[in-house]
C-alpha atoms as a PDB file:
ATOM      1  CA  MET A   1      47.442 127.537-129.467  1.00  0.00           C
ATOM      2  CA  LEU A   2      44.060 125.890-130.575  1.00  0.00           C
ATOM      3  CA  PHE A   3      42.307 127.492-133.422  1.00  0.00           C
ATOM      4  CA  GLY A   4      44.224 130.503-133.237  1.00  0.00           C
ATOM      5  CA  MET A   5      43.339 130.692-129.340  1.00  0.00           C
ATOM      6  CA  THR A   6      45.298 130.594-126.248  1.00  0.00           C
ATOM      7  CA  TRP A   7      44.427 130.038-122.966  1.00  0.00           C
ATOM      8  CA  THR A   8      45.935 129.242-119.757  1.00  0.00           C
ATOM      9  CA  ALA A   9      45.178 127.248-116.266  1.00  0.00           C
ATOM     10  CA  ASP A  10      46.122 129.830-113.990  1.00  0.00           C
ATOM     11  CA  GLY A  11      43.629 132.262-112.450  1.00  0.00           C
ATOM     12  CA  GLY A  12      41.438 130.446-111.264  1.00  0.00           C
ATOM     13  CA  THR A  13      38.749 127.477-112.187  1.00  0.00           C
ATOM     14  CA  TRP A  14      36.475 130.007-113.577  1.00  0.00           C
ATOM     15  CA  LEU A  15      38.352 132.201-115.719  1.00  0.00           C
ATOM     16  CA  PHE A  16      39.890 128.887-117.107  1.00  0.00           C
ATOM     17  CA  VAL A  17      36.236 127.495-117.872  1.00  0.00           C
ATOM     18  CA  TRP A  18      35.604 130.696-119.984  1.00  0.00           C
ATOM     19  CA  SER A  19      38.144 130.488-122.097  1.00  0.00           C
ATOM     20  CA  ILE A  20      38.294 127.519-123.056  1.00  0.00           C
ATOM     21  CA  LEU A  21      33.995 127.369-123.943  1.00  0.00           C
ATOM     22  CA  PRO A  22      34.451 128.963-126.926  1.00  0.00           C
ATOM     23  CA  ILE A  23      37.056 126.394-128.502  1.00  0.00           C
ATOM     24  CA  LEU A  24      34.957 123.433-127.136  1.00  0.00           C
ATOM     25  CA  LEU A  25      31.663 125.135-128.676  1.00  0.00           C
ATOM     26  CA  ARG A  26      33.778 124.982-132.239  1.00  0.00           C
ATOM     27  CA  GLY A  27      34.482 121.339-131.446  1.00  0.00           C
ATOM     28  CA  LEU A  28      30.334 120.570-129.985  1.00  0.00           C
ATOM     29  CA  LEU A  29      29.842 122.387-133.827  1.00  0.00           C
ATOM     30  CA  THR A  30      31.720 119.368-135.079  1.00  0.00           C
ATOM     31  CA  THR A  31      29.814 116.819-133.356  1.00  0.00           C
ATOM     32  CA  VAL A  32      26.840 117.991-134.407  1.00  0.00           C
ATOM     33  CA  GLN A  33      27.435 118.342-137.904  1.00  0.00           C
ATOM     34  CA  ALA A  34      28.910 114.518-138.171  1.00  0.00           C
ATOM     35  CA  THR A  35      25.530 113.577-135.988  1.00  0.00           C
ATOM     36  CA  LEU A  36      23.204 115.159-138.803  1.00  0.00           C
ATOM     37  CA  LEU A  37      25.159 113.917-141.581  1.00  0.00           C
ATOM     38  CA  GLY A  38      25.568 110.145-140.586  1.00  0.00           C
ATOM     39  CA  PHE A  39      22.195 110.365-139.275  1.00  0.00           C
ATOM     40  CA  THR A  40      21.057 111.254-142.698  1.00  0.00           C
ATOM     41  CA  VAL A  41      23.433 108.802-144.067  1.00  0.00           C
ATOM     42  CA  ALA A  42      21.884 106.189-142.242  1.00  0.00           C
ATOM     43  CA  ALA A  43      18.408 106.947-142.886  1.00  0.00           C
ATOM     44  CA  VAL A  44      18.192 107.432-146.412  1.00  0.00           C
ATOM     45  CA  LEU A  45      20.405 103.998-146.499  1.00  0.00           C
ATOM     46  CA  GLY A  46      18.540 102.290-144.186  1.00  0.00           C
ATOM     47  CA  LEU A  47      15.469 102.711-145.902  1.00  0.00           C
ATOM     48  CA  GLY A  48      16.367 101.207-149.197  1.00  0.00           C
ATOM     49  CA  LEU A  49      18.107  98.170-147.443  1.00  0.00           C
ATOM     50  CA  ALA A  50      15.150  97.725-145.416  1.00  0.00           C
ATOM     51  CA  ALA A  51      13.319  97.486-148.896  1.00  0.00           C
ATOM     52  CA  LEU A  52      15.785  95.548-150.669  1.00  0.00           C
ATOM     53  CA  LYS A  53      15.745  92.940-147.587  1.00  0.00           C
ATOM     54  CA  SER A  54      11.596  92.867-147.990  1.00  0.00           C
ATOM     55  CA  ALA A  55      11.864  92.157-151.636  1.00  0.00           C
ATOM     56  CA  LYS A  56      10.087  89.002-153.045  1.00  0.00           C
ATOM     57  CA  SER A  57      13.007  87.980-155.184  1.00  0.00           C
ATOM     58  CA  ARG A  58      15.550  85.833-153.003  1.00  0.00           C
ATOM     59  CA  ALA A  59      17.942  86.922-155.360  1.00  0.00           C
ATOM     60  CA  ILE A  60      17.745  90.422-154.140  1.00  0.00           C
ATOM     61  CA  SER A  61      16.826  89.882-150.498  1.00  0.00           C
ATOM     62  CA  LEU A  62      19.390  87.268-149.567  1.00  0.00           C
ATOM     63  CA  PRO A  63      22.434  89.112-150.518  1.00  0.00           C
ATOM     64  CA  THR A  64      20.965  92.697-148.580  1.00  0.00           C
ATOM     65  CA  ARG A  65      20.705  90.493-145.585  1.00  0.00           C
ATOM     66  CA  ALA A  66      24.806  89.087-145.899  1.00  0.00           C
ATOM     67  CA  VAL A  67      26.237  92.463-146.177  1.00  0.00           C
ATOM     68  CA  CYS A  68      23.835  93.596-143.220  1.00  0.00           C
ATOM     69  CA  GLU A  69      24.698  90.823-141.091  1.00  0.00           C
ATOM     70  CA  PHE A  70      28.571  91.838-141.954  1.00  0.00           C
ATOM     71  CA  ILE A  71      28.245  95.276-141.251  1.00  0.00           C
ATOM     72  CA  ARG A  72      26.447  94.626-137.905  1.00  0.00           C
ATOM     73  CA  ASP A  73      28.844  92.153-137.061  1.00  0.00           C
ATOM     74  CA  THR A  74      31.915  94.147-137.470  1.00  0.00           C
ATOM     75  CA  PRO A  75      32.805  97.504-135.240  1.00  0.00           C
ATOM     76  CA  LEU A  76      32.325 100.839-136.346  1.00  0.00           C
ATOM     77  CA  LEU A  77      36.352 101.397-135.796  1.00  0.00           C
ATOM     78  CA  VAL A  78      37.093  98.607-138.196  1.00  0.00           C
ATOM     79  CA  GLN A  79      34.653 100.323-140.834  1.00  0.00           C
ATOM     80  CA  LEU A  80      36.436 104.267-140.361  1.00  0.00           C
ATOM     81  CA  TYR A  81      39.564 102.513-140.906  1.00  0.00           C
ATOM     82  CA  PHE A  82      38.829 100.688-144.006  1.00  0.00           C
ATOM     83  CA  LEU A  83      36.945 103.475-145.305  1.00  0.00           C
ATOM     84  CA  TYR A  84      39.878 105.917-144.528  1.00  0.00           C
ATOM     85  CA  TYR A  85      43.234 104.318-145.092  1.00  0.00           C
ATOM     86  CA  VAL A  86      42.133 101.163-147.661  1.00  0.00           C
ATOM     87  CA  LEU A  87      40.221 103.388-150.183  1.00  0.00           C
ATOM     88  CA  PRO A  88      42.789 105.868-151.149  1.00  0.00           C
ATOM     89  CA  ASP A  89      44.604 102.568-152.360  1.00  0.00           C
ATOM     90  CA  TYR A  90      41.550 102.896-155.481  1.00  0.00           C
ATOM     91  CA  GLY A  91      41.886 106.218-155.765  1.00  0.00           C
ATOM     92  CA  ILE A  92      38.958 107.153-153.026  1.00  0.00           C
ATOM     93  CA  ILE A  93      40.295 109.869-150.884  1.00  0.00           C
ATOM     94  CA  LEU A  94      37.714 111.040-148.753  1.00  0.00           C
ATOM     95  CA  PRO A  95      38.418 114.090-146.333  1.00  0.00           C
ATOM     96  CA  ALA A  96      38.125 112.738-142.480  1.00  0.00           C
ATOM     97  CA  PHE A  97      35.125 114.534-141.977  1.00  0.00           C
ATOM     98  CA  LEU A  98      33.166 112.989-144.398  1.00  0.00           C
ATOM     99  CA  THR A  99      35.083 109.618-144.224  1.00  0.00           C
ATOM    100  CA  GLY A 100      33.696 109.397-140.669  1.00  0.00           C
ATOM    101  CA  ALA A 101      29.890 110.633-141.347  1.00  0.00           C
ATOM    102  CA  LEU A 102      29.790 107.811-143.738  1.00  0.00           C
ATOM    103  CA  ALA A 103      31.006 105.396-141.684  1.00  0.00           C
ATOM    104  CA  LEU A 104      28.705 106.190-138.451  1.00  0.00           C
ATOM    105  CA  GLY A 105      25.959 106.469-141.544  1.00  0.00           C
ATOM    106  CA  ILE A 106      26.900 103.078-142.822  1.00  0.00           C
ATOM    107  CA  GLN A 107      26.704 101.342-139.286  1.00  0.00           C
ATOM    108  CA  TYR A 108      23.911 102.757-137.882  1.00  0.00           C
ATOM    109  CA  SER A 109      22.452 102.164-141.481  1.00  0.00           C
ATOM    110  CA  VAL A 110      21.953  98.307-140.699  1.00  0.00           C
ATOM    111  CA  TYR A 111      20.007  99.083-137.170  1.00  0.00           C
ATOM    112  CA  MET A 112      17.496 101.462-139.273  1.00  0.00           C
ATOM    113  CA  SER A 113      16.777  98.938-141.469  1.00  0.00           C
ATOM    114  CA  GLU A 114      15.153  97.129-139.039  1.00  0.00           C
ATOM    115  CA  VAL A 115      13.573  99.746-137.384  1.00  0.00           C
ATOM    116  CA  TYR A 116      11.922 100.297-140.948  1.00  0.00           C
ATOM    117  CA  ARG A 117      10.664  97.178-141.687  1.00  0.00           C
ATOM    118  CA  ALA A 118       8.988  96.513-138.299  1.00  0.00           C
ATOM    119  CA  GLY A 119       7.150  99.791-139.096  1.00  0.00           C
ATOM    120  CA  PHE A 120       6.333  98.594-142.448  1.00  0.00           C
ATOM    121  CA  GLU A 121       4.913  95.409-141.191  1.00  0.00           C
ATOM    122  CA  SER A 122       2.998  97.087-138.253  1.00  0.00           C
ATOM    123  CA  VAL A 123       0.941  98.370-141.132  1.00  0.00           C
ATOM    124  CA  LEU A 124      -2.506  96.650-141.346  1.00  0.00           C
ATOM    125  CA  VAL A 125      -2.271  94.370-144.547  1.00  0.00           C
ATOM    126  CA  GLY A 126      -5.801  94.756-145.182  1.00  0.00           C
ATOM    127  CA  GLN A 127      -4.830  98.419-145.932  1.00  0.00           C
ATOM    128  CA  THR A 128      -2.108  97.087-148.593  1.00  0.00           C
ATOM    129  CA  GLU A 129      -4.628  94.391-149.872  1.00  0.00           C
ATOM    130  CA  ALA A 130      -6.585  97.457-150.689  1.00  0.00           C
ATOM    131  CA  ALA A 131      -4.727  99.307-152.591  1.00  0.00           C
ATOM    132  CA  ARG A 132      -3.530  96.182-154.696  1.00  0.00           C
ATOM    133  CA  ALA A 133      -7.175  96.029-155.565  1.00  0.00           C
ATOM    134  CA  LEU A 134      -7.695 100.072-156.884  1.00  0.00           C
ATOM    135  CA  ASP A 135      -4.820  98.812-159.212  1.00  0.00           C
ATOM    136  CA  LEU A 136      -2.263 101.049-157.156  1.00  0.00           C
ATOM    137  CA  SER A 137       1.125 100.627-158.260  1.00  0.00           C
ATOM    138  CA  PRO A 138       3.917  99.263-155.673  1.00  0.00           C
ATOM    139  CA  THR A 139       5.608 102.630-155.386  1.00  0.00           C
ATOM    140  CA  ARG A 140       2.311 104.613-154.737  1.00  0.00           C
ATOM    141  CA  ILE A 141       1.180 102.450-152.144  1.00  0.00           C
ATOM    142  CA  PHE A 142       4.405 102.258-150.559  1.00  0.00           C
ATOM    143  CA  THR A 143       4.750 106.053-150.602  1.00  0.00           C
ATOM    144  CA  VAL A 144       0.816 106.831-149.856  1.00  0.00           C
ATOM    145  CA  ILE A 145      -0.344 104.153-147.754  1.00  0.00           C
ATOM    146  CA  ILE A 146       2.917 102.292-145.874  1.00  0.00           C
ATOM    147  CA  LEU A 147       5.293 105.231-145.845  1.00  0.00           C
ATOM    148  CA  PRO A 148       3.094 107.507-144.084  1.00  0.00           C
ATOM    149  CA  GLN A 149       1.969 105.123-141.338  1.00  0.00           C
ATOM    150  CA  ALA A 150       5.470 103.777-140.478  1.00  0.00           C
ATOM    151  CA  ILE A 151       7.113 107.008-139.808  1.00  0.00           C
ATOM    152  CA  PRO A 152       5.257 108.164-136.870  1.00  0.00           C
ATOM    153  CA  ARG A 153       5.534 104.669-135.211  1.00  0.00           C
ATOM    154  CA  ILE A 154       9.080 104.499-135.627  1.00  0.00           C
ATOM    155  CA  ILE A 155      10.255 108.209-134.290  1.00  0.00           C
ATOM    156  CA  PRO A 156      11.357 107.135-130.948  1.00  0.00           C
ATOM    157  CA  ALA A 157      13.493 104.372-132.135  1.00  0.00           C
ATOM    158  CA  LEU A 158      14.964 106.911-134.929  1.00  0.00           C
ATOM    159  CA  GLY A 159      15.351 109.143-132.195  1.00  0.00           C
ATOM    160  CA  ASN A 160      17.340 106.600-130.091  1.00  0.00           C
ATOM    161  CA  TYR A 161      19.623 105.920-132.877  1.00  0.00           C
ATOM    162  CA  LEU A 162      20.329 110.086-133.342  1.00  0.00           C
ATOM    163  CA  VAL A 163      21.476 110.269-129.834  1.00  0.00           C
ATOM    164  CA  SER A 164      23.462 106.893-130.115  1.00  0.00           C
ATOM    165  CA  ILE A 165      25.442 108.387-133.290  1.00  0.00           C
ATOM    166  CA  MET A 166      25.681 111.760-131.334  1.00  0.00           C
ATOM    167  CA  LYS A 167      27.800 109.534-128.753  1.00  0.00           C
ATOM    168  CA  ASP A 168      30.114 107.779-130.975  1.00  0.00           C
ATOM    169  CA  VAL A 169      30.974 110.774-132.759  1.00  0.00           C
ATOM    170  CA  PRO A 170      34.215 110.748-130.698  1.00  0.00           C
ATOM    171  CA  VAL A 171      35.072 107.410-132.695  1.00  0.00           C
ATOM    172  CA  LEU A 172      36.172 109.704-135.507  1.00  0.00           C
ATOM    173  CA  SER A 173      39.051 111.763-132.930  1.00  0.00           C
ATOM    174  CA  VAL A 174      40.994 108.935-134.694  1.00  0.00           C
ATOM    175  CA  VAL A 175      40.812 110.576-138.001  1.00  0.00           C
ATOM    176  CA  SER A 176      41.792 113.521-136.474  1.00  0.00           C
ATOM    177  CA  VAL A 177      38.678 114.661-136.747  1.00  0.00           C
ATOM    178  CA  LEU A 178      37.996 118.054-133.996  1.00  0.00           C
ATOM    179  CA  GLU A 179      35.061 116.908-132.816  1.00  0.00           C
ATOM    180  CA  ILE A 180      34.561 117.994-128.992  1.00  0.00           C
ATOM    181  CA  LEU A 181      35.853 115.081-127.300  1.00  0.00           C
ATOM    182  CA  ASN A 182      39.087 115.510-129.267  1.00  0.00           C
ATOM    183  CA  VAL A 183      39.818 119.135-128.555  1.00  0.00           C
ATOM    184  CA  ALA A 184      39.014 118.354-124.478  1.00  0.00           C
ATOM    185  CA  LYS A 185      41.569 116.326-125.242  1.00  0.00           C
ATOM    186  CA  ILE A 186      44.256 118.631-126.948  1.00  0.00           C
ATOM    187  CA  ILE A 187      43.236 121.636-124.474  1.00  0.00           C
ATOM    188  CA  GLY A 188      44.140 119.096-121.515  1.00  0.00           C
ATOM    189  CA  ASP A 189      47.512 117.915-123.269  1.00  0.00           C
ATOM    190  CA  ARG A 190      48.306 121.561-123.470  1.00  0.00           C
ATOM    191  CA  SER A 191      47.434 122.996-120.162  1.00  0.00           C
ATOM    192  CA  PHE A 192      47.608 119.514-117.905  1.00  0.00           C
ATOM    193  CA  ASN A 193      44.021 119.837-117.016  1.00  0.00           C
ATOM    194  CA  TYR A 194      41.880 117.555-117.519  1.00  0.00           C
ATOM    195  CA  LEU A 195      39.185 117.811-115.548  1.00  0.00           C
ATOM    196  CA  VAL A 196      37.401 120.950-116.473  1.00  0.00           C
ATOM    197  CA  PRO A 197      37.686 120.377-120.559  1.00  0.00           C
ATOM    198  CA  LEU A 198      36.031 116.830-119.697  1.00  0.00           C
ATOM    199  CA  THR A 199      33.744 117.876-117.300  1.00  0.00           C
ATOM    200  CA  MET A 200      32.419 120.601-119.789  1.00  0.00           C
ATOM    201  CA  VAL A 201      32.278 118.158-122.751  1.00  0.00           C
ATOM    202  CA  GLY A 202      30.048 115.867-120.689  1.00  0.00           C
ATOM    203  CA  ILE A 203      27.949 118.618-119.968  1.00  0.00           C
ATOM    204  CA  LEU A 204      27.298 120.099-123.125  1.00  0.00           C
ATOM    205  CA  TYR A 205      26.674 116.306-124.432  1.00  0.00           C
ATOM    206  CA  LEU A 206      24.289 115.846-121.693  1.00  0.00           C
ATOM    207  CA  ILE A 207      22.616 119.110-123.296  1.00  0.00           C
ATOM    208  CA  LEU A 208      22.428 118.603-126.150  1.00  0.00           C
ATOM    209  CA  THR A 209      20.999 114.844-125.557  1.00  0.00           C
ATOM    210  CA  ILE A 210      18.178 116.363-123.748  1.00  0.00           C
ATOM    211  CA  ILE A 211      17.101 118.451-126.204  1.00  0.00           C
ATOM    212  CA  ALA A 212      17.633 116.232-128.755  1.00  0.00           C
ATOM    213  CA  SER A 213      15.317 113.785-127.065  1.00  0.00           C
ATOM    214  CA  ALA A 214      12.849 116.651-126.121  1.00  0.00           C
ATOM    215  CA  GLY A 215      12.536 117.394-130.119  1.00  0.00           C
ATOM    216  CA  VAL A 216      12.074 113.347-131.032  1.00  0.00           C
ATOM    217  CA  ARG A 217       8.897 113.555-128.673  1.00  0.00           C
ATOM    218  CA  HIS A 218       7.373 116.910-129.727  1.00  0.00           C
ATOM    219  CA  LEU A 219       7.748 115.294-133.506  1.00  0.00           C
ATOM    220  CA  ASN A 220       6.200 112.179-132.188  1.00  0.00           C
ATOM    221  CA  LYS A 221       3.227 113.850-131.031  1.00  0.00           C
ATOM    222  CA  ARG A 222       2.393 116.419-134.053  1.00  0.00           C
ATOM    223  CA  LEU A 223       3.013 114.191-136.772  1.00  0.00           C
ATOM    224  CA  PRO A 224      -0.216 111.851-135.846  1.00  0.00           C
ATOM    225  CA  ILE A 225      -2.082 115.069-135.183  1.00  0.00           C
ATOM    226  CA  GLN A 226      -0.960 116.213-138.889  1.00  0.00           C
ATOM    227  CA  GLY A 227      -2.969 113.708-140.807  1.00  0.00           C
ATOM    228  CA  LEU A 228      -0.562 111.048-140.600  1.00  0.00           C
ATOM    229  CA  PRO A 229      -3.036 108.522-139.053  1.00  0.00           C
ATOM    230  CA  LEU A 230      -1.679 105.168-136.563  1.00  0.00           C
ATOM    231  CA  GLN A 231      -3.966 103.044-137.854  1.00  0.00           C
END
Protein backbone atom coordinates (compact mmCIF):
# COMPACT_ATOMS: atom_id res chain seq x y z
CA MET A 1 0.00 0.00 0.00
CA LEU A 2 1.24 3.47 -0.90
CA PHE A 3 -0.65 6.73 -0.24
CA GLY A 4 -3.46 4.59 1.14
CA MET A 5 -3.94 2.67 -2.12
CA THR A 6 -3.37 -0.93 -3.15
CA TRP A 7 -2.65 -2.45 -6.52
CA THR A 8 -1.86 -5.76 -8.13
CA ALA A 9 0.09 -6.73 -11.21
CA ASP A 10 -2.41 -9.49 -11.91
CA GLY A 11 -5.30 -9.07 -14.32
CA GLY A 12 -3.49 -7.57 -17.24
CA THR A 13 -1.01 -4.84 -17.97
CA TRP A 14 -3.57 -2.13 -18.64
CA LEU A 15 -5.36 -2.80 -15.36
CA PHE A 16 -2.00 -2.45 -13.63
CA VAL A 17 -1.32 0.81 -15.49
CA TRP A 18 -4.61 2.39 -14.45
CA SER A 19 -4.26 1.17 -10.88
CA ILE A 20 -0.86 2.84 -10.34
CA LEU A 21 -1.45 5.99 -12.43
CA PRO A 22 -2.99 8.03 -9.58
CA ILE A 23 -0.03 7.17 -7.35
CA LEU A 24 2.49 8.16 -10.02
CA LEU A 25 0.63 11.42 -10.63
CA ARG A 26 1.02 12.30 -6.95
CA GLY A 27 4.73 11.64 -7.30
CA LEU A 28 4.71 13.76 -10.46
CA LEU A 29 3.14 16.63 -8.51
CA THR A 30 6.00 16.45 -6.01
CA THR A 31 8.46 16.47 -8.90
CA VAL A 32 6.86 19.57 -10.40
CA GLN A 33 6.79 21.35 -7.04
CA ALA A 34 10.46 20.57 -6.37
CA THR A 35 11.35 21.72 -9.89
CA LEU A 36 9.54 25.04 -9.58
CA LEU A 37 10.89 25.78 -6.11
CA GLY A 38 14.42 24.79 -7.09
CA PHE A 39 14.22 26.90 -10.24
CA THR A 40 12.93 29.91 -8.29
CA VAL A 41 15.79 29.65 -5.80
CA ALA A 42 18.31 29.26 -8.62
CA ALA A 43 16.91 32.20 -10.59
CA VAL A 44 16.91 34.60 -7.63
CA LEU A 45 20.21 33.45 -6.15
CA GLY A 46 21.82 33.34 -9.60
CA LEU A 47 20.86 36.95 -10.23
CA GLY A 48 22.45 37.97 -6.93
CA LEU A 49 25.62 36.00 -7.68
CA ALA A 50 25.86 37.58 -11.14
CA ALA A 51 25.63 41.05 -9.61
CA LEU A 52 28.28 40.24 -6.98
CA LYS A 53 30.66 38.71 -9.53
CA SER A 54 30.30 41.83 -11.68
CA ALA A 55 31.10 44.16 -8.78
CA LYS A 56 34.00 46.52 -9.34
CA SER A 57 35.40 45.76 -5.88
CA ARG A 58 37.68 42.72 -5.99
CA ALA A 59 36.94 42.16 -2.30
CA ILE A 60 33.40 41.27 -3.37
CA SER A 61 33.88 39.68 -6.79
CA LEU A 62 36.80 37.35 -5.97
CA PRO A 63 35.21 35.58 -2.95
CA THR A 64 31.95 35.25 -4.89
CA ARG A 65 33.76 33.65 -7.82
CA ALA A 66 35.56 31.28 -5.44
CA VAL A 67 32.29 30.19 -3.84
CA CYS A 68 30.71 29.67 -7.27
CA GLU A 69 33.68 27.61 -8.41
CA PHE A 70 33.42 25.43 -5.31
CA ILE A 71 29.70 24.82 -5.84
CA ARG A 72 30.22 24.11 -9.55
CA ASP A 73 32.99 21.59 -8.89
CA THR A 74 31.20 19.56 -6.21
CA PRO A 75 28.46 17.01 -7.01
CA LEU A 76 24.83 17.81 -6.32
CA LEU A 77 24.56 14.67 -4.21
CA VAL A 78 27.36 15.83 -1.88
CA GLN A 79 25.66 19.20 -1.44
CA LEU A 80 22.34 17.50 -0.74
CA TYR A 81 23.88 15.23 1.89
CA PHE A 82 25.61 18.24 3.48
CA LEU A 83 22.38 20.21 3.80
CA TYR A 84 20.39 17.23 5.05
CA TYR A 85 22.86 15.59 7.44
CA VAL A 86 25.34 18.30 8.49
CA LEU A 87 23.13 21.34 9.06
CA PRO A 88 21.09 19.58 11.82
CA ASP A 89 24.33 19.35 13.84
CA TYR A 90 24.23 23.16 13.98
CA GLY A 91 20.56 23.39 14.86
CA ILE A 92 19.28 23.92 11.31
CA ILE A 93 16.71 21.22 10.57
CA LEU A 94 14.80 21.45 7.29
CA PRO A 95 12.17 19.11 5.80
CA ALA A 96 13.51 16.69 3.20
CA PHE A 97 11.52 18.31 0.39
CA LEU A 98 12.75 21.83 1.20
CA THR A 99 16.31 20.62 1.63
CA GLY A 100 16.24 18.96 -1.78
CA ALA A 101 14.77 22.03 -3.49
CA LEU A 102 17.41 24.25 -1.87
CA ALA A 103 20.18 21.89 -2.99
CA LEU A 104 18.90 22.03 -6.57
CA GLY A 105 18.58 25.81 -6.40
CA ILE A 106 22.07 26.34 -5.01
CA GLN A 107 23.65 24.00 -7.57
CA TYR A 108 21.97 25.61 -10.57
CA SER A 109 22.27 29.19 -9.31
CA VAL A 110 25.95 29.09 -10.21
CA TYR A 111 25.21 28.18 -13.81
CA MET A 112 22.38 30.68 -14.06
CA SER A 113 24.67 33.42 -12.77
CA GLU A 114 26.81 32.95 -15.88
CA VAL A 115 23.71 33.14 -18.05
CA TYR A 116 22.69 36.39 -16.39
CA ARG A 117 26.19 37.80 -16.78
CA ALA A 118 26.24 37.01 -20.49
CA GLY A 119 22.84 38.66 -20.85
CA PHE A 120 24.00 41.79 -19.06
CA GLU A 121 27.11 42.04 -21.22
CA SER A 122 24.99 41.74 -24.38
CA VAL A 123 23.35 45.10 -23.66
CA LEU A 124 25.04 47.86 -25.62
CA VAL A 125 27.56 49.77 -23.50
CA GLY A 126 26.43 53.04 -25.06
CA GLN A 127 23.02 52.68 -23.42
CA THR A 128 24.44 52.46 -19.90
CA GLU A 129 26.83 55.33 -20.60
CA ALA A 130 23.93 57.46 -21.82
CA ALA A 131 21.98 56.58 -18.68
CA ARG A 132 24.90 57.66 -16.49
CA ALA A 133 25.09 60.91 -18.45
CA LEU A 134 21.44 61.46 -17.54
CA ASP A 135 22.45 60.99 -13.89
CA LEU A 136 20.40 57.82 -13.36
CA SER A 137 21.32 55.79 -10.29
CA PRO A 138 23.09 52.42 -10.78
CA THR A 139 20.01 50.65 -9.42
CA ARG A 140 17.72 52.38 -11.90
CA ILE A 141 20.10 51.71 -14.78
CA PHE A 142 20.09 48.02 -13.88
CA THR A 143 16.34 47.63 -13.38
CA VAL A 144 15.10 49.89 -16.20
CA ILE A 145 17.73 49.53 -18.93
CA ILE A 146 19.90 46.43 -18.50
CA LEU A 147 17.55 43.84 -16.98
CA PRO A 148 14.56 44.35 -19.35
CA GLN A 149 16.82 43.93 -22.39
CA ALA A 150 18.83 41.02 -21.00
CA ILE A 151 15.91 38.83 -19.86
CA PRO A 152 14.45 38.07 -23.35
CA ARG A 153 17.87 37.00 -24.57
CA ILE A 154 18.52 34.53 -21.76
CA ILE A 155 15.09 32.90 -21.58
CA PRO A 156 16.09 29.92 -23.81
CA ALA A 157 19.09 29.19 -21.57
CA LEU A 158 16.99 29.54 -18.41
CA GLY A 159 14.43 27.20 -19.96
CA ASN A 160 17.13 24.60 -20.54
CA TYR A 161 18.09 24.78 -16.88
CA LEU A 162 14.44 24.41 -15.88
CA VAL A 163 14.31 21.10 -17.75
CA SER A 164 17.69 20.06 -16.30
CA ILE A 165 16.48 20.74 -12.76
CA MET A 166 13.39 18.66 -13.48
CA LYS A 167 15.52 15.73 -14.59
CA ASP A 168 17.73 16.02 -11.49
CA VAL A 169 14.80 15.87 -9.05
CA PRO A 170 15.11 12.03 -8.76
CA VAL A 171 18.33 12.64 -6.80
CA LEU A 172 16.10 13.78 -3.93
CA SER A 173 15.00 10.18 -3.45
CA VAL A 174 18.17 9.62 -1.40
CA VAL A 175 16.62 11.76 1.37
CA SER A 176 13.26 9.96 1.05
CA VAL A 177 11.43 12.55 -1.06
CA LEU A 178 8.58 10.73 -2.81
CA GLU A 179 9.12 12.16 -6.27
CA ILE A 180 7.86 10.20 -9.25
CA LEU A 181 10.89 7.94 -9.82
CA ASN A 182 11.09 6.99 -6.15
CA VAL A 183 7.37 6.16 -6.21
CA ALA A 184 7.89 3.99 -9.30
CA LYS A 185 10.73 2.16 -7.58
CA ILE A 186 8.54 1.46 -4.55
CA ILE A 187 5.79 0.14 -6.83
CA GLY A 188 8.30 -2.09 -8.59
CA ASP A 189 9.67 -3.40 -5.28
CA ARG A 190 6.21 -4.37 -4.05
CA SER A 191 4.66 -5.65 -7.28
CA PHE A 192 7.83 -7.23 -8.75
CA ASN A 193 6.99 -5.39 -11.96
CA TYR A 194 9.46 -2.63 -12.79
CA LEU A 195 8.84 -2.40 -16.53
CA VAL A 196 5.41 -0.78 -16.35
CA PRO A 197 6.01 1.88 -13.67
CA LEU A 198 9.41 2.89 -15.04
CA THR A 199 8.05 3.09 -18.58
CA MET A 200 5.21 5.28 -17.32
CA VAL A 201 7.72 7.53 -15.54
CA GLY A 202 9.63 7.96 -18.80
CA ILE A 203 6.43 8.86 -20.68
CA LEU A 204 5.29 11.32 -17.99
CA TYR A 205 8.71 12.97 -17.96
CA LEU A 206 8.62 13.25 -21.74
CA ILE A 207 5.21 14.93 -21.62
CA LEU A 208 6.38 17.28 -18.88
CA THR A 209 9.55 18.33 -20.69
CA ILE A 210 7.64 18.89 -23.95
CA ILE A 211 5.17 21.15 -22.12
CA ALA A 212 7.98 23.04 -20.39
CA SER A 213 9.90 23.52 -23.65
CA ALA A 214 6.77 24.73 -25.44
CA GLY A 215 6.10 27.20 -22.63
CA VAL A 216 9.64 28.58 -22.85
CA ARG A 217 9.37 29.00 -26.62
CA HIS A 218 6.03 30.77 -26.24
CA LEU A 219 7.43 33.11 -23.59
CA ASN A 220 10.51 33.80 -25.69
CA LYS A 221 8.31 34.88 -28.61
CA ARG A 222 6.02 37.07 -26.52
CA LEU A 223 8.47 39.02 -24.41
CA PRO A 224 9.96 41.19 -27.19
CA ILE A 225 6.40 41.95 -28.43
CA GLN A 226 5.49 43.27 -24.98
CA GLY A 227 7.83 46.18 -25.37
CA LEU A 228 11.11 44.64 -24.29
CA PRO A 229 13.51 45.61 -27.08
CA LEU A 230 16.23 43.34 -28.21
CA GLN A 231 18.46 46.20 -29.28
